[in-house]
């Protein structure tokens, strides 16, 4: 390769990178009180143009426009989840080649405090550090736990990908921390996977229930009551059972049970392990869509 050819290739690579970084999704404001326009980044999930992003409160999830340079292209809405604010869209075929590579999905389950993560699958100059998993905000239990990250610079846009050392996607930035612009809350990649699986299985995304009542002020995850004719009742759970694990994930408190429940999918069996008296018992429970959802 000649020097001129090398410089040309390098220039084109930098140009492509610049275009990739400049890509955003613009959302129209909801036509309600508090409606606001917003912009988010996104990640490409497959070769068929499926993308995932995060929609800010007050923005219309059904009015999304991809902006690449001076080009503006409406996006086809697929589904969304109101609890995480993740939305899935399809890109028009004509822009598939302009949005970069498909992300390789990883896992957030092995992340530990101080572990380094990145805002790019390939570059390593934008290091962030994992602070930990957050289950509560202002004393209230969140519907799903998020990761808190500390960044070298300002937190990336909502919808930006977060990657591990191997370049695998482990989460999406949800938002910057209100009082710390160099910190962000990140949605685990398992949130996106849960949404896609629910859409594929049930044609829509819904929260599930099994029909138990617990007290969030009690430290241990103890079942206080079981609703009649509920999935939990049919499976055999009883008052006083202490939940030990859900689908293989250990739970030690109420907030961890709430987080584990977020990932339940209607019609998909899940193994529950409980402590009943001095015995450890296992039950297979099939969650149902929560009443009214």
Protein backbone atom coordinates (compact mmCIF):
# COMPACT_ATOMS: atom_id res chain seq x y z
CA UNK A 1 0.00 0.00 0.00
CA UNK A 2 1.36 3.45 -0.92
CA UNK A 3 1.57 6.26 1.61
CA UNK A 4 -1.20 8.13 -0.26
CA UNK A 5 -3.44 5.06 -0.19
CA UNK A 6 -2.70 4.55 3.51
CA UNK A 7 -3.55 8.17 4.30
CA UNK A 8 -6.74 7.90 2.24
CA UNK A 9 -7.83 4.76 4.09
CA UNK A 10 -6.97 6.34 7.45
CA UNK A 11 -8.89 9.50 6.57
CA UNK A 12 -11.95 7.50 5.50
CA UNK A 13 -11.75 5.48 8.72
CA UNK A 14 -11.65 8.64 10.80
CA UNK A 15 -14.52 10.08 8.80
CA UNK A 16 -16.60 6.95 9.38
CA UNK A 17 -15.80 7.09 13.09
CA UNK A 18 -16.78 10.75 13.20
CA UNK A 19 -20.08 10.00 11.48
CA UNK A 20 -20.74 7.14 13.85
CA UNK A 21 -20.17 9.34 16.88
CA UNK A 22 -22.45 12.02 15.41
CA UNK A 23 -25.40 9.68 14.93
CA UNK A 24 -28.36 10.34 17.20
CA UNK A 25 -32.05 9.63 17.48
CA UNK A 26 -34.29 12.66 17.93
CA UNK A 27 -37.59 12.24 19.77
CA UNK A 28 -40.56 14.57 19.53
CA UNK A 29 -42.13 15.88 22.72
CA UNK A 30 -45.24 14.21 24.06
CA UNK A 31 -48.30 16.39 23.54
CA UNK A 32 -48.96 16.50 27.27
CA UNK A 33 -47.87 18.62 30.19
CA UNK A 34 -44.16 18.13 30.71
CA UNK A 35 -43.54 16.90 27.18
CA UNK A 36 -39.99 17.56 25.99
CA UNK A 37 -37.91 16.86 22.90
CA UNK A 38 -34.77 14.81 23.45
CA UNK A 39 -31.92 13.06 21.69
CA UNK A 40 -30.32 9.69 22.44
CA UNK A 41 -27.60 7.47 21.12
CA UNK A 42 -28.24 3.79 20.23
CA UNK A 43 -26.65 0.41 19.58
CA UNK A 44 -27.23 -1.93 16.64
CA UNK A 45 -28.30 -5.40 17.76
CA UNK A 46 -28.34 -7.45 14.55
CA UNK A 47 -27.75 -7.46 10.81
CA UNK A 48 -31.46 -6.80 10.16
CA UNK A 49 -31.28 -3.24 11.42
CA UNK A 50 -32.66 -3.76 14.94
CA UNK A 51 -31.45 -1.08 17.33
CA UNK A 52 -31.92 -0.35 21.02
CA UNK A 53 -31.98 3.05 22.68
CA UNK A 54 -33.24 4.83 25.80
CA UNK A 55 -36.07 7.37 25.61
CA UNK A 56 -36.10 10.18 28.13
CA UNK A 57 -39.22 11.05 30.13
CA UNK A 58 -41.48 13.48 28.32
CA UNK A 59 -40.46 12.29 24.85
CA UNK A 60 -42.69 10.45 22.40
CA UNK A 61 -41.44 6.89 21.85
CA UNK A 62 -43.55 6.65 18.68
CA UNK A 63 -41.95 9.65 16.98
CA UNK A 64 -38.26 8.83 16.56
CA UNK A 65 -35.99 10.12 13.79
CA UNK A 66 -32.50 8.87 13.03
CA UNK A 67 -30.09 11.74 12.31
CA UNK A 68 -26.89 10.90 10.40
CA UNK A 69 -25.08 14.06 9.34
CA UNK A 70 -27.70 16.03 7.40
CA UNK A 71 -29.86 12.97 6.75
CA UNK A 72 -33.05 12.48 8.81
CA UNK A 73 -34.87 9.16 8.60
CA UNK A 74 -38.03 8.14 10.55
CA UNK A 75 -37.63 4.91 12.51
CA UNK A 76 -40.05 2.00 12.63
CA UNK A 77 -41.15 1.39 16.24
CA UNK A 78 -40.96 -2.24 17.41
CA UNK A 79 -41.59 -2.21 21.15
CA UNK A 80 -40.62 -0.49 24.39
CA UNK A 81 -40.54 -1.02 28.13
CA UNK A 82 -41.86 1.80 30.32
CA UNK A 83 -39.96 0.73 33.44
CA UNK A 84 -36.47 0.81 31.89
CA UNK A 85 -37.38 3.32 29.12
CA UNK A 86 -35.61 1.09 26.59
CA UNK A 87 -37.12 1.19 23.11
CA UNK A 88 -36.47 -1.05 20.12
CA UNK A 89 -36.66 0.17 16.51
CA UNK A 90 -35.92 -1.03 12.98
CA UNK A 91 -33.62 1.00 10.76
CA UNK A 92 -34.57 1.54 7.12
CA UNK A 93 -32.51 -0.68 4.83
CA UNK A 94 -30.89 2.30 3.08
CA UNK A 95 -29.00 3.36 6.21
CA UNK A 96 -27.82 -0.02 7.48
CA UNK A 97 -24.33 0.53 6.10
CA UNK A 98 -24.03 3.93 7.75
CA UNK A 99 -24.51 2.99 11.37
CA UNK A 100 -21.46 0.90 12.17
CA UNK A 101 -21.03 -2.61 13.44
CA UNK A 102 -23.46 -4.88 15.20
CA UNK A 103 -22.74 -5.07 18.93
CA UNK A 104 -21.69 -8.41 20.39
CA UNK A 105 -23.82 -8.94 23.48
CA UNK A 106 -22.04 -9.78 26.71
CA UNK A 107 -23.19 -10.08 30.33
CA UNK A 108 -23.32 -7.68 33.27
CA UNK A 109 -23.52 -10.41 35.91
CA UNK A 110 -19.76 -10.62 36.44
CA UNK A 111 -19.21 -6.88 36.97
CA UNK A 112 -17.76 -5.86 40.31
CA UNK A 113 -16.99 -2.47 41.90
CA UNK A 114 -13.94 -0.68 40.38
CA UNK A 115 -13.96 -2.88 37.26
CA UNK A 116 -13.17 -0.89 34.11
CA UNK A 117 -15.71 -0.59 31.29
CA UNK A 118 -15.71 1.48 28.09
CA UNK A 119 -17.91 3.65 25.88
CA UNK A 120 -16.59 1.94 22.74
CA UNK A 121 -16.28 -1.69 21.68
CA UNK A 122 -12.81 -1.02 20.22
CA UNK A 123 -11.35 2.15 21.73
CA UNK A 124 -9.87 2.15 25.23
CA UNK A 125 -9.38 5.88 25.86
CA UNK A 126 -12.77 6.47 27.51
CA UNK A 127 -12.46 4.34 30.62
CA UNK A 128 -15.23 4.23 33.20
CA UNK A 129 -15.36 2.35 36.49
CA UNK A 130 -18.18 0.35 37.98
CA UNK A 131 -19.39 1.76 41.29
CA UNK A 132 -21.94 -0.92 42.01
CA UNK A 133 -25.53 -2.06 41.57
CA UNK A 134 -28.22 0.36 42.71
CA UNK A 135 -31.54 -1.05 43.95
CA UNK A 136 -32.99 2.05 45.61
CA UNK A 137 -33.37 5.74 44.85
CA UNK A 138 -34.28 8.25 47.56
CA UNK A 139 -35.33 5.39 49.80
CA UNK A 140 -37.65 3.76 47.27
CA UNK A 141 -37.03 0.38 45.68
CA UNK A 142 -36.48 0.66 41.93
CA UNK A 143 -38.50 -1.60 39.58
CA UNK A 144 -35.16 -2.93 38.34
CA UNK A 145 -31.61 -2.47 39.56
CA UNK A 146 -29.22 -0.26 37.58
CA UNK A 147 -25.44 -0.02 37.48
CA UNK A 148 -23.74 3.19 38.58
CA UNK A 149 -20.61 4.11 36.66
CA UNK A 150 -17.97 6.80 37.14
CA UNK A 151 -16.57 8.28 33.92
CA UNK A 152 -13.35 10.14 33.14
CA UNK A 153 -15.34 12.84 31.38
CA UNK A 154 -19.01 13.75 31.22
CA UNK A 155 -21.41 10.82 31.14
CA UNK A 156 -22.36 9.69 27.60
CA UNK A 157 -25.79 10.30 26.06
CA UNK A 158 -28.70 8.08 27.08
CA UNK A 159 -28.73 4.98 24.88
CA UNK A 160 -24.94 4.88 24.53
CA UNK A 161 -23.41 1.44 24.75
CA UNK A 162 -21.15 0.33 27.60
CA UNK A 163 -18.62 -2.40 26.82
CA UNK A 164 -16.38 -4.76 28.74
CA UNK A 165 -12.66 -5.42 28.17
CA UNK A 166 -13.46 -7.87 25.38
CA UNK A 167 -15.58 -5.32 23.53
CA UNK A 168 -18.87 -6.98 24.40
CA UNK A 169 -21.93 -4.86 25.12
CA UNK A 170 -22.83 -5.06 28.81
CA UNK A 171 -25.29 -2.20 29.14
CA UNK A 172 -26.91 1.02 27.93
CA UNK A 173 -26.52 4.39 29.60
CA UNK A 174 -29.88 5.41 31.00
CA UNK A 175 -29.03 8.88 32.29
CA UNK A 176 -26.40 10.99 34.00
CA UNK A 177 -26.54 11.19 37.78
CA UNK A 178 -28.43 14.37 38.71
CA UNK A 179 -25.73 15.92 40.88
CA UNK A 180 -22.64 14.38 39.24
CA UNK A 181 -22.14 14.88 35.49
CA UNK A 182 -19.25 12.40 35.46
CA UNK A 183 -21.40 9.55 36.75
CA UNK A 184 -24.21 7.67 35.05
CA UNK A 185 -26.83 5.04 35.67
CA UNK A 186 -26.52 2.14 33.25
CA UNK A 187 -29.14 -0.46 32.34
CA UNK A 188 -27.72 -4.01 32.29
CA UNK A 189 -27.74 -5.64 28.84
CA UNK A 190 -30.02 -8.30 30.30
CA UNK A 191 -32.79 -5.65 30.24
CA UNK A 192 -32.57 -5.47 26.43
CA UNK A 193 -32.47 -9.27 26.18
CA UNK A 194 -35.53 -9.59 28.43
CA UNK A 195 -37.48 -7.10 26.27
CA UNK A 196 -36.58 -8.91 23.04
CA UNK A 197 -37.50 -12.32 24.48
CA UNK A 198 -40.85 -11.06 25.80
CA UNK A 199 -41.67 -9.45 22.45
CA UNK A 200 -40.80 -12.66 20.60
CA UNK A 201 -42.75 -14.91 22.96
CA UNK A 202 -45.80 -12.78 23.74
CA UNK A 203 -45.86 -10.11 21.01
CA UNK A 204 -45.70 -7.37 23.64
CA UNK A 205 -43.68 -6.38 26.71
CA UNK A 206 -45.41 -6.72 30.09
CA UNK A 207 -44.53 -6.99 33.75
CA UNK A 208 -45.34 -10.32 35.38
CA UNK A 209 -46.56 -11.51 38.73
CA UNK A 210 -46.74 -14.79 40.63
CA UNK A 211 -49.15 -13.59 43.34
CA UNK A 212 -47.13 -13.11 46.52
CA UNK A 213 -47.03 -10.23 49.01
CA UNK A 214 -43.86 -9.27 50.87
CA UNK A 215 -42.91 -6.45 53.26
CA UNK A 216 -40.09 -4.29 51.91
CA UNK A 217 -39.27 -3.16 55.47
CA UNK A 218 -38.41 -6.72 56.50
CA UNK A 219 -34.75 -7.51 55.82
CA UNK A 220 -35.21 -11.14 54.74
CA UNK A 221 -37.29 -11.92 51.61
CA UNK A 222 -40.15 -13.58 53.51
CA UNK A 223 -43.49 -14.28 51.85
CA UNK A 224 -46.26 -12.76 53.97
CA UNK A 225 -49.19 -14.03 51.93
CA UNK A 226 -49.99 -15.89 48.74
CA UNK A 227 -52.93 -14.81 46.58
CA UNK A 228 -55.62 -17.43 45.87
CA UNK A 229 -55.52 -18.99 42.40
CA UNK A 230 -52.19 -17.29 41.67
CA UNK A 231 -49.19 -18.96 39.97
CA UNK A 232 -47.41 -19.08 43.33
CA UNK A 233 -50.40 -20.75 45.03
CA UNK A 234 -50.74 -23.32 42.25
CA UNK A 235 -47.02 -24.13 42.49
CA UNK A 236 -47.18 -24.65 46.27
CA UNK A 237 -45.58 -21.56 47.86
CA UNK A 238 -46.80 -20.76 51.36
CA UNK A 239 -46.86 -17.92 53.88
CA UNK A 240 -43.56 -17.77 55.75
CA UNK A 241 -41.45 -19.20 52.94
CA UNK A 242 -38.14 -17.37 52.56
CA UNK A 243 -37.08 -16.92 48.95
CA UNK A 244 -33.46 -17.98 48.41
CA UNK A 245 -33.12 -17.81 44.63
CA UNK A 246 -35.12 -17.08 41.49
CA UNK A 247 -34.02 -18.76 38.30
CA UNK A 248 -30.66 -19.55 39.83
CA UNK A 249 -29.98 -15.96 40.94
CA UNK A 250 -29.60 -15.67 44.71
CA UNK A 251 -31.73 -13.07 46.50
CA UNK A 252 -31.03 -11.81 50.01
CA UNK A 253 -33.52 -8.96 50.44
CA UNK A 254 -36.76 -7.52 49.14
CA UNK A 255 -35.09 -5.21 46.60
CA UNK A 256 -33.25 -8.13 45.01
CA UNK A 257 -36.54 -10.02 44.69
CA UNK A 258 -38.10 -7.01 42.93
CA UNK A 259 -35.15 -6.87 40.53
CA UNK A 260 -35.38 -10.61 39.81
CA UNK A 261 -39.14 -10.28 39.21
CA UNK A 262 -38.47 -7.67 36.50
CA UNK A 263 -36.85 -10.39 34.37
CA UNK A 264 -39.76 -12.83 34.62
CA UNK A 265 -41.55 -13.44 31.32
CA UNK A 266 -45.19 -14.50 31.07
CA UNK A 267 -45.47 -18.18 30.23
CA UNK A 268 -41.79 -18.94 30.82
CA UNK A 269 -41.23 -21.32 33.73
CA UNK A 270 -38.83 -20.24 36.46
CA UNK A 271 -37.34 -22.21 39.35
CA UNK A 272 -37.82 -20.77 42.84
CA UNK A 273 -35.80 -22.05 45.78
CA UNK A 274 -37.20 -21.30 49.25
CA UNK A 275 -36.49 -22.03 52.89
CA UNK A 276 -39.52 -23.51 54.68
CA UNK A 277 -38.79 -24.07 58.32
CA UNK A 278 -35.52 -26.00 58.21
CA UNK A 279 -36.10 -27.48 54.75
CA UNK A 280 -34.96 -26.13 51.39
CA UNK A 281 -37.58 -26.65 48.72
CA UNK A 282 -37.74 -25.96 44.99
CA UNK A 283 -40.79 -24.99 42.95
CA UNK A 284 -41.37 -24.41 39.25
CA UNK A 285 -43.61 -21.39 38.74
CA UNK A 286 -45.05 -20.05 35.49
CA UNK A 287 -45.50 -16.26 35.78
CA UNK A 288 -48.52 -14.49 34.34
CA UNK A 289 -48.98 -10.96 33.06
CA UNK A 290 -49.65 -8.63 35.98
CA UNK A 291 -53.32 -7.67 36.30
CA UNK A 292 -53.93 -4.34 34.60
CA UNK A 293 -50.66 -4.42 32.61
